Amino acid sequence: MIYKISYNKKVKKFIEKQSKDQRLRIYEAINKLPDGDVKRMQTKQELYRLRVGEFRFVYEIIHDEIIISVIDADNRGDIYKKYK
């Protein structure tokens, strides 16, 4: 099944701050969702995280609408503090 991917405004801004190589790598990984280095978040079972190098992207899957909504992005050490 092919999912439509939607980005939070904050996530788009985070990605656009990265170098061109990093941006390409990030978009490539996000476009492969729900495959990739993905795990369910331990604290919020409806959320998942995608690992792309040192960055983590938090997203949710809305099965009814066939949408993956990327809701947050940050460095490895900071993203998990937000979801305790």
PDB file of N, CA and C in Angstrom:
ATOM      1  N   MET A   1       0.838  -1.172   0.000  1.00  0.00           N
ATOM      2  CA  MET A   1       0.000   0.000   0.000  1.00  0.00           C
ATOM      3  C   MET A   1       0.894   1.249   0.000  1.00  0.00           C
ATOM      4  N   ILE A   2       0.543   2.222  -0.795  1.00  0.00           N
ATOM      5  CA  ILE A   2       1.315   3.460  -0.890  1.00  0.00           C
ATOM      6  C   ILE A   2       0.645   4.522  -0.026  1.00  0.00           C
ATOM      7  N   TYR A   3       1.424   5.103   0.866  1.00  0.00           N
ATOM      8  CA  TYR A   3       0.932   6.137   1.764  1.00  0.00           C
ATOM      9  C   TYR A   3       1.284   7.525   1.240  1.00  0.00           C
ATOM     10  N   LYS A   4       0.396   8.471   1.463  1.00  0.00           N
ATOM     11  CA  LYS A   4       0.699   9.874   1.200  1.00  0.00           C
ATOM     12  C   LYS A   4       1.446  10.380   2.431  1.00  0.00           C
ATOM     13  N   ILE A   5       2.480  11.182   2.237  1.00  0.00           N
ATOM     14  CA  ILE A   5       3.276  11.677   3.356  1.00  0.00           C
ATOM     15  C   ILE A   5       3.003  13.159   3.546  1.00  0.00           C
ATOM     16  N   SER A   6       2.665  13.515   4.780  1.00  0.00           N
ATOM     17  CA  SER A   6       2.463  14.930   5.104  1.00  0.00           C
ATOM     18  C   SER A   6       3.496  15.334   6.155  1.00  0.00           C
ATOM     19  N   TYR A   7       3.966  16.575   6.039  1.00  0.00           N
ATOM     20  CA  TYR A   7       5.003  17.085   6.926  1.00  0.00           C
ATOM     21  C   TYR A   7       4.452  18.220   7.776  1.00  0.00           C
ATOM     22  N   ASN A   8       4.790  18.204   9.037  1.00  0.00           N
ATOM     23  CA  ASN A   8       4.524  19.322   9.917  1.00  0.00           C
ATOM     24  C   ASN A   8       5.412  20.474   9.461  1.00  0.00           C
ATOM     25  N   LYS A   9       4.964  21.699   9.655  1.00  0.00           N
ATOM     26  CA  LYS A   9       5.731  22.874   9.243  1.00  0.00           C
ATOM     27  C   LYS A   9       7.112  22.905   9.912  1.00  0.00           C
ATOM     28  N   LYS A  10       7.164  22.526  11.180  1.00  0.00           N
ATOM     29  CA  LYS A  10       8.419  22.494  11.938  1.00  0.00           C
ATOM     30  C   LYS A  10       9.401  21.478  11.331  1.00  0.00           C
ATOM     31  N   VAL A  11       8.886  20.355  10.893  1.00  0.00           N
ATOM     32  CA  VAL A  11       9.725  19.304  10.299  1.00  0.00           C
ATOM     33  C   VAL A  11      10.314  19.783   8.976  1.00  0.00           C
ATOM     34  N   LYS A  12       9.493  20.409   8.146  1.00  0.00           N
ATOM     35  CA  LYS A  12       9.992  20.940   6.865  1.00  0.00           C
ATOM     36  C   LYS A  12      11.120  21.933   7.101  1.00  0.00           C
ATOM     37  N   LYS A  13      10.942  22.807   8.072  1.00  0.00           N
ATOM     38  CA  LYS A  13      11.958  23.813   8.398  1.00  0.00           C
ATOM     39  C   LYS A  13      13.250  23.137   8.872  1.00  0.00           C
ATOM     40  N   PHE A  14      13.108  22.108   9.708  1.00  0.00           N
ATOM     41  CA  PHE A  14      14.264  21.366  10.210  1.00  0.00           C
ATOM     42  C   PHE A  14      15.043  20.729   9.058  1.00  0.00           C
ATOM     43  N   ILE A  15      14.333  20.110   8.135  1.00  0.00           N
ATOM     44  CA  ILE A  15      14.977  19.440   7.001  1.00  0.00           C
ATOM     45  C   ILE A  15      15.681  20.454   6.104  1.00  0.00           C
ATOM     46  N   GLU A  16      15.029  21.560   5.836  1.00  0.00           N
ATOM     47  CA  GLU A  16      15.603  22.561   4.931  1.00  0.00           C
ATOM     48  C   GLU A  16      16.853  23.234   5.496  1.00  0.00           C
ATOM     49  N   LYS A  17      17.068  23.170   6.798  1.00  0.00           N
ATOM     50  CA  LYS A  17      18.276  23.720   7.422  1.00  0.00           C
ATOM     51  C   LYS A  17      19.507  22.847   7.169  1.00  0.00           C
ATOM     52  N   GLN A  18      19.282  21.599   6.802  1.00  0.00           N
ATOM     53  CA  GLN A  18      20.379  20.649   6.629  1.00  0.00           C
ATOM     54  C   GLN A  18      21.082  20.874   5.290  1.00  0.00           C
ATOM     55  N   SER A  19      22.272  20.287   5.179  1.00  0.00           N
ATOM     56  CA  SER A  19      23.015  20.384   3.918  1.00  0.00           C
ATOM     57  C   SER A  19      22.257  19.642   2.818  1.00  0.00           C
ATOM     58  N   LYS A  20      22.612  19.908   1.574  1.00  0.00           N
ATOM     59  CA  LYS A  20      21.922  19.295   0.439  1.00  0.00           C
ATOM     60  C   LYS A  20      21.995  17.769   0.495  1.00  0.00           C
ATOM     61  N   ASP A  21      23.175  17.229   0.809  1.00  0.00           N
ATOM     62  CA  ASP A  21      23.326  15.774   0.900  1.00  0.00           C
ATOM     63  C   ASP A  21      22.437  15.187   1.975  1.00  0.00           C
ATOM     64  N   GLN A  22      22.402  15.858   3.136  1.00  0.00           N
ATOM     65  CA  GLN A  22      21.563  15.384   4.243  1.00  0.00           C
ATOM     66  C   GLN A  22      20.090  15.440   3.867  1.00  0.00           C
ATOM     67  N   ARG A  23      19.676  16.546   3.226  1.00  0.00           N
ATOM     68  CA  ARG A  23      18.269  16.687   2.821  1.00  0.00           C
ATOM     69  C   ARG A  23      17.859  15.544   1.900  1.00  0.00           C
ATOM     70  N   LEU A  24      18.692  15.248   0.913  1.00  0.00           N
ATOM     71  CA  LEU A  24      18.377  14.166  -0.023  1.00  0.00           C
ATOM     72  C   LEU A  24      18.255  12.833   0.713  1.00  0.00           C
ATOM     73  N   ARG A  25      19.176  12.591   1.620  1.00  0.00           N
ATOM     74  CA  ARG A  25      19.170  11.347   2.401  1.00  0.00           C
ATOM     75  C   ARG A  25      17.911  11.256   3.261  1.00  0.00           C
ATOM     76  N   ILE A  26      17.522  12.375   3.880  1.00  0.00           N
ATOM     77  CA  ILE A  26      16.339  12.404   4.735  1.00  0.00           C
ATOM     78  C   ILE A  26      15.072  12.171   3.919  1.00  0.00           C
ATOM     79  N   TYR A  27      14.905  12.917   2.828  1.00  0.00           N
ATOM     80  CA  TYR A  27      13.703  12.749   1.994  1.00  0.00           C
ATOM     81  C   TYR A  27      13.615  11.343   1.411  1.00  0.00           C
ATOM     82  N   GLU A  28      14.749  10.791   1.051  1.00  0.00           N
ATOM     83  CA  GLU A  28      14.773   9.423   0.526  1.00  0.00           C
ATOM     84  C   GLU A  28      14.271   8.435   1.575  1.00  0.00           C
ATOM     85  N   ALA A  29      14.748   8.581   2.814  1.00  0.00           N
ATOM     86  CA  ALA A  29      14.327   7.693   3.899  1.00  0.00           C
ATOM     87  C   ALA A  29      12.851   7.870   4.229  1.00  0.00           C
ATOM     88  N   ILE A  30      12.381   9.108   4.267  1.00  0.00           N
ATOM     89  CA  ILE A  30      10.978   9.367   4.588  1.00  0.00           C
ATOM     90  C   ILE A  30      10.064   8.833   3.496  1.00  0.00           C
ATOM     91  N   ASN A  31      10.478   8.952   2.246  1.00  0.00           N
ATOM     92  CA  ASN A  31       9.648   8.456   1.140  1.00  0.00           C
ATOM     93  C   ASN A  31       9.536   6.944   1.115  1.00  0.00           C
ATOM     94  N   LYS A  32      10.434   6.238   1.801  1.00  0.00           N
ATOM     95  CA  LYS A  32      10.370   4.777   1.873  1.00  0.00           C
ATOM     96  C   LYS A  32       9.470   4.282   3.003  1.00  0.00           C
ATOM     97  N   LEU A  33       8.972   5.212   3.846  1.00  0.00           N
ATOM     98  CA  LEU A  33       8.119   4.805   4.964  1.00  0.00           C
ATOM     99  C   LEU A  33       6.923   4.030   4.458  1.00  0.00           C
ATOM    100  N   PRO A  34       6.447   3.055   5.176  1.00  0.00           N
ATOM    101  CA  PRO A  34       6.770   2.643   6.538  1.00  0.00           C
ATOM    102  C   PRO A  34       7.960   1.685   6.653  1.00  0.00           C
ATOM    103  N   ASP A  35       8.760   1.536   5.614  1.00  0.00           N
ATOM    104  CA  ASP A  35       9.965   0.702   5.690  1.00  0.00           C
ATOM    105  C   ASP A  35      11.152   1.549   6.131  1.00  0.00           C
ATOM    106  N   GLY A  36      12.222   0.902   6.546  1.00  0.00           N
ATOM    107  CA  GLY A  36      13.419   1.617   6.971  1.00  0.00           C
ATOM    108  C   GLY A  36      13.753   1.286   8.411  1.00  0.00           C
ATOM    109  N   ASP A  37      14.624   2.071   9.014  1.00  0.00           N
ATOM    110  CA  ASP A  37      15.004   1.867  10.414  1.00  0.00           C
ATOM    111  C   ASP A  37      13.928   2.495  11.292  1.00  0.00           C
ATOM    112  N   VAL A  38      12.838   1.760  11.472  1.00  0.00           N
ATOM    113  CA  VAL A  38      11.640   2.259  12.145  1.00  0.00           C
ATOM    114  C   VAL A  38      11.385   1.432  13.397  1.00  0.00           C
ATOM    115  N   LYS A  39      10.996   2.118  14.467  1.00  0.00           N
ATOM    116  CA  LYS A  39      10.586   1.442  15.702  1.00  0.00           C
ATOM    117  C   LYS A  39       9.398   2.187  16.278  1.00  0.00           C
ATOM    118  N   ARG A  40       8.589   1.454  17.016  1.00  0.00           N
ATOM    119  CA  ARG A  40       7.464   2.064  17.722  1.00  0.00           C
ATOM    120  C   ARG A  40       8.008   2.783  18.944  1.00  0.00           C
ATOM    121  N   MET A  41       7.490   3.980  19.233  1.00  0.00           N
ATOM    122  CA  MET A  41       7.923   4.727  20.417  1.00  0.00           C
ATOM    123  C   MET A  41       7.435   3.996  21.664  1.00  0.00           C
ATOM    124  N   GLN A  42       8.293   3.868  22.661  1.00  0.00           N
ATOM    125  CA  GLN A  42       7.925   3.131  23.872  1.00  0.00           C
ATOM    126  C   GLN A  42       6.881   3.861  24.697  1.00  0.00           C
ATOM    127  N   THR A  43       6.958   5.180  24.751  1.00  0.00           N
ATOM    128  CA  THR A  43       6.040   5.932  25.603  1.00  0.00           C
ATOM    129  C   THR A  43       4.693   6.193  24.942  1.00  0.00           C
ATOM    130  N   LYS A  44       4.679   6.366  23.640  1.00  0.00           N
ATOM    131  CA  LYS A  44       3.437   6.641  22.898  1.00  0.00           C
ATOM    132  C   LYS A  44       3.295   5.568  21.823  1.00  0.00           C
ATOM    133  N   GLN A  45       2.481   4.579  22.077  1.00  0.00           N
ATOM    134  CA  GLN A  45       2.387   3.426  21.194  1.00  0.00           C
ATOM    135  C   GLN A  45       1.834   3.741  19.808  1.00  0.00           C
ATOM    136  N   GLU A  46       1.133   4.867  19.652  1.00  0.00           N
ATOM    137  CA  GLU A  46       0.595   5.207  18.329  1.00  0.00           C
ATOM    138  C   GLU A  46       1.618   5.937  17.463  1.00  0.00           C
ATOM    139  N   LEU A  47       2.779   6.272  18.043  1.00  0.00           N
ATOM    140  CA  LEU A  47       3.820   6.988  17.313  1.00  0.00           C
ATOM    141  C   LEU A  47       4.985   6.061  16.979  1.00  0.00           C
ATOM    142  N   TYR A  48       5.668   6.392  15.889  1.00  0.00           N
ATOM    143  CA  TYR A  48       6.843   5.645  15.447  1.00  0.00           C
ATOM    144  C   TYR A  48       7.990   6.619  15.264  1.00  0.00           C
ATOM    145  N   ARG A  49       9.207   6.084  15.236  1.00  0.00           N
ATOM    146  CA  ARG A  49      10.364   6.931  14.951  1.00  0.00           C
ATOM    147  C   ARG A  49      11.143   6.338  13.795  1.00  0.00           C
ATOM    148  N   LEU A  50      11.676   7.239  12.991  1.00  0.00           N
ATOM    149  CA  LEU A  50      12.531   6.862  11.865  1.00  0.00           C
ATOM    150  C   LEU A  50      13.923   7.390  12.170  1.00  0.00           C
ATOM    151  N   ARG A  51      14.912   6.543  12.044  1.00  0.00           N
ATOM    152  CA  ARG A  51      16.293   6.940  12.283  1.00  0.00           C
ATOM    153  C   ARG A  51      16.964   7.191  10.937  1.00  0.00           C
ATOM    154  N   VAL A  52      17.536   8.395  10.789  1.00  0.00           N
ATOM    155  CA  VAL A  52      18.310   8.750   9.596  1.00  0.00           C
ATOM    156  C   VAL A  52      19.610   9.359  10.116  1.00  0.00           C
ATOM    157  N   GLY A  53      20.646   8.532  10.240  1.00  0.00           N
ATOM    158  CA  GLY A  53      21.910   8.998  10.796  1.00  0.00           C
ATOM    159  C   GLY A  53      21.723   9.471  12.220  1.00  0.00           C
ATOM    160  N   GLU A  54      22.122  10.708  12.509  1.00  0.00           N
ATOM    161  CA  GLU A  54      22.007  11.249  13.859  1.00  0.00           C
ATOM    162  C   GLU A  54      20.641  11.881  14.123  1.00  0.00           C
ATOM    163  N   PHE A  55      19.772  11.899  13.131  1.00  0.00           N
ATOM    164  CA  PHE A  55      18.468  12.528  13.267  1.00  0.00           C
ATOM    165  C   PHE A  55      17.381  11.490  13.506  1.00  0.00           C
ATOM    166  N   ARG A  56      16.337  11.928  14.211  1.00  0.00           N
ATOM    167  CA  ARG A  56      15.169  11.091  14.444  1.00  0.00           C
ATOM    168  C   ARG A  56      13.935  11.857  14.004  1.00  0.00           C
ATOM    169  N   PHE A  57      13.023  11.151  13.365  1.00  0.00           N
ATOM    170  CA  PHE A  57      11.766  11.728  12.902  1.00  0.00           C
ATOM    171  C   PHE A  57      10.628  10.936  13.522  1.00  0.00           C
ATOM    172  N   VAL A  58       9.712  11.635  14.164  1.00  0.00           N
ATOM    173  CA  VAL A  58       8.573  10.998  14.803  1.00  0.00           C
ATOM    174  C   VAL A  58       7.381  11.155  13.864  1.00  0.00           C
ATOM    175  N   TYR A  59       6.659  10.057  13.673  1.00  0.00           N
ATOM    176  CA  TYR A  59       5.513  10.109  12.765  1.00  0.00           C
ATOM    177  C   TYR A  59       4.406   9.195  13.251  1.00  0.00           C
ATOM    178  N   GLU A  60       3.237   9.408  12.707  1.00  0.00           N
ATOM    179  CA  GLU A  60       2.098   8.545  12.992  1.00  0.00           C
ATOM    180  C   GLU A  60       1.502   8.078  11.669  1.00  0.00           C
ATOM    181  N   ILE A  61       0.886   6.924  11.712  1.00  0.00           N
ATOM    182  CA  ILE A  61       0.242   6.370  10.516  1.00  0.00           C
ATOM    183  C   ILE A  61      -1.266   6.479  10.707  1.00  0.00           C
ATOM    184  N   ILE A  62      -1.916   7.128   9.769  1.00  0.00           N
ATOM    185  CA  ILE A  62      -3.376   7.257   9.792  1.00  0.00           C
ATOM    186  C   ILE A  62      -3.900   6.296   8.722  1.00  0.00           C
ATOM    187  N   HIS A  63      -4.222   5.086   9.151  1.00  0.00           N
ATOM    188  CA  HIS A  63      -4.593   4.019   8.215  1.00  0.00           C
ATOM    189  C   HIS A  63      -5.872   4.323   7.447  1.00  0.00           C
ATOM    190  N   ASP A  64      -6.833   4.968   8.095  1.00  0.00           N
ATOM    191  CA  ASP A  64      -8.119   5.260   7.446  1.00  0.00           C
ATOM    192  C   ASP A  64      -7.932   6.121   6.205  1.00  0.00           C
ATOM    193  N   GLU A  65      -6.993   7.067   6.275  1.00  0.00           N
ATOM    194  CA  GLU A  65      -6.787   8.006   5.182  1.00  0.00           C
ATOM    195  C   GLU A  65      -5.543   7.693   4.358  1.00  0.00           C
ATOM    196  N   ILE A  66      -4.835   6.609   4.709  1.00  0.00           N
ATOM    197  CA  ILE A  66      -3.605   6.187   4.039  1.00  0.00           C
ATOM    198  C   ILE A  66      -2.590   7.339   4.017  1.00  0.00           C
ATOM    199  N   ILE A  67      -2.340   7.893   5.204  1.00  0.00           N
ATOM    200  CA  ILE A  67      -1.416   9.019   5.350  1.00  0.00           C
ATOM    201  C   ILE A  67      -0.387   8.702   6.428  1.00  0.00           C
ATOM    202  N   ILE A  68       0.850   9.077   6.172  1.00  0.00           N
ATOM    203  CA  ILE A  68       1.889   9.080   7.195  1.00  0.00           C
ATOM    204  C   ILE A  68       2.174  10.539   7.485  1.00  0.00           C
ATOM    205  N   SER A  69       1.970  10.933   8.729  1.00  0.00           N
ATOM    206  CA  SER A  69       2.151  12.320   9.134  1.00  0.00           C
ATOM    207  C   SER A  69       3.434  12.437   9.960  1.00  0.00           C
ATOM    208  N   VAL A  70       4.449  13.098   9.395  1.00  0.00           N
ATOM    209  CA  VAL A  70       5.716  13.309  10.103  1.00  0.00           C
ATOM    210  C   VAL A  70       5.500  14.524  10.995  1.00  0.00           C
ATOM    211  N   ILE A  71       5.537  14.314  12.324  1.00  0.00           N
ATOM    212  CA  ILE A  71       5.132  15.364  13.250  1.00  0.00           C
ATOM    213  C   ILE A  71       6.280  16.029  13.999  1.00  0.00           C
ATOM    214  N   ASP A  72       7.455  15.414  14.039  1.00  0.00           N
ATOM    215  CA  ASP A  72       8.557  16.029  14.768  1.00  0.00           C
ATOM    216  C   ASP A  72       9.887  15.519  14.234  1.00  0.00           C
ATOM    217  N   ALA A  73      10.932  16.353  14.411  1.00  0.00           N
ATOM    218  CA  ALA A  73      12.283  15.999  13.976  1.00  0.00           C
ATOM    219  C   ALA A  73      13.278  16.684  14.893  1.00  0.00           C
ATOM    220  N   ASP A  74      14.353  15.982  15.207  1.00  0.00           N
ATOM    221  CA  ASP A  74      15.398  16.574  16.043  1.00  0.00           C
ATOM    222  C   ASP A  74      16.600  15.642  16.059  1.00  0.00           C
ATOM    223  N   ASN A  75      17.636  16.076  16.761  1.00  0.00           N
ATOM    224  CA  ASN A  75      18.817  15.245  16.941  1.00  0.00           C
ATOM    225  C   ASN A  75      18.490  14.096  17.879  1.00  0.00           C
ATOM    226  N   ARG A  76      19.282  13.063  17.817  1.00  0.00           N
ATOM    227  CA  ARG A  76      19.044  11.852  18.573  1.00  0.00           C
ATOM    228  C   ARG A  76      18.830  12.112  20.065  1.00  0.00           C
ATOM    229  N   GLY A  77      19.694  12.891  20.682  1.00  0.00           N
ATOM    230  CA  GLY A  77      19.614  13.110  22.121  1.00  0.00           C
ATOM    231  C   GLY A  77      18.417  13.931  22.560  1.00  0.00           C
ATOM    232  N   ASP A  78      17.918  14.791  21.700  1.00  0.00           N
ATOM    233  CA  ASP A  78      16.863  15.717  22.093  1.00  0.00           C
ATOM    234  C   ASP A  78      15.453  15.196  21.838  1.00  0.00           C
ATOM    235  N   ILE A  79      15.273  14.404  20.828  1.00  0.00           N
ATOM    236  CA  ILE A  79      13.918  13.994  20.432  1.00  0.00           C
ATOM    237  C   ILE A  79      13.257  13.122  21.494  1.00  0.00           C
ATOM    238  N   TYR A  80      14.016  12.238  22.130  1.00  0.00           N
ATOM    239  CA  TYR A  80      13.425  11.323  23.107  1.00  0.00           C
ATOM    240  C   TYR A  80      13.014  12.053  24.385  1.00  0.00           C
ATOM    241  N   LYS A  81      13.661  13.171  24.706  1.00  0.00           N
ATOM    242  CA  LYS A  81      13.295  13.953  25.893  1.00  0.00           C
ATOM    243  C   LYS A  81      11.890  14.517  25.761  1.00  0.00           C
ATOM    244  N   LYS A  82      11.474  14.802  24.550  1.00  0.00           N
ATOM    245  CA  LYS A  82      10.150  15.381  24.313  1.00  0.00           C
ATOM    246  C   LYS A  82       9.031  14.382  24.519  1.00  0.00           C
ATOM    247  N   TYR A  83       9.339  13.090  24.393  1.00  0.00           N
ATOM    248  CA  TYR A  83       8.300  12.055  24.409  1.00  0.00           C
ATOM    249  C   TYR A  83       8.431  11.102  25.591  1.00  0.00           C
ATOM    250  N   LYS A  84       8.851  11.613  26.723  1.00  0.00           N
ATOM    251  CA  LYS A  84       8.951  10.784  27.939  1.00  0.00           C
ATOM    252  C   LYS A  84       7.618  10.639  28.594  1.00  0.00           C
TER     253      LYS A  84
END
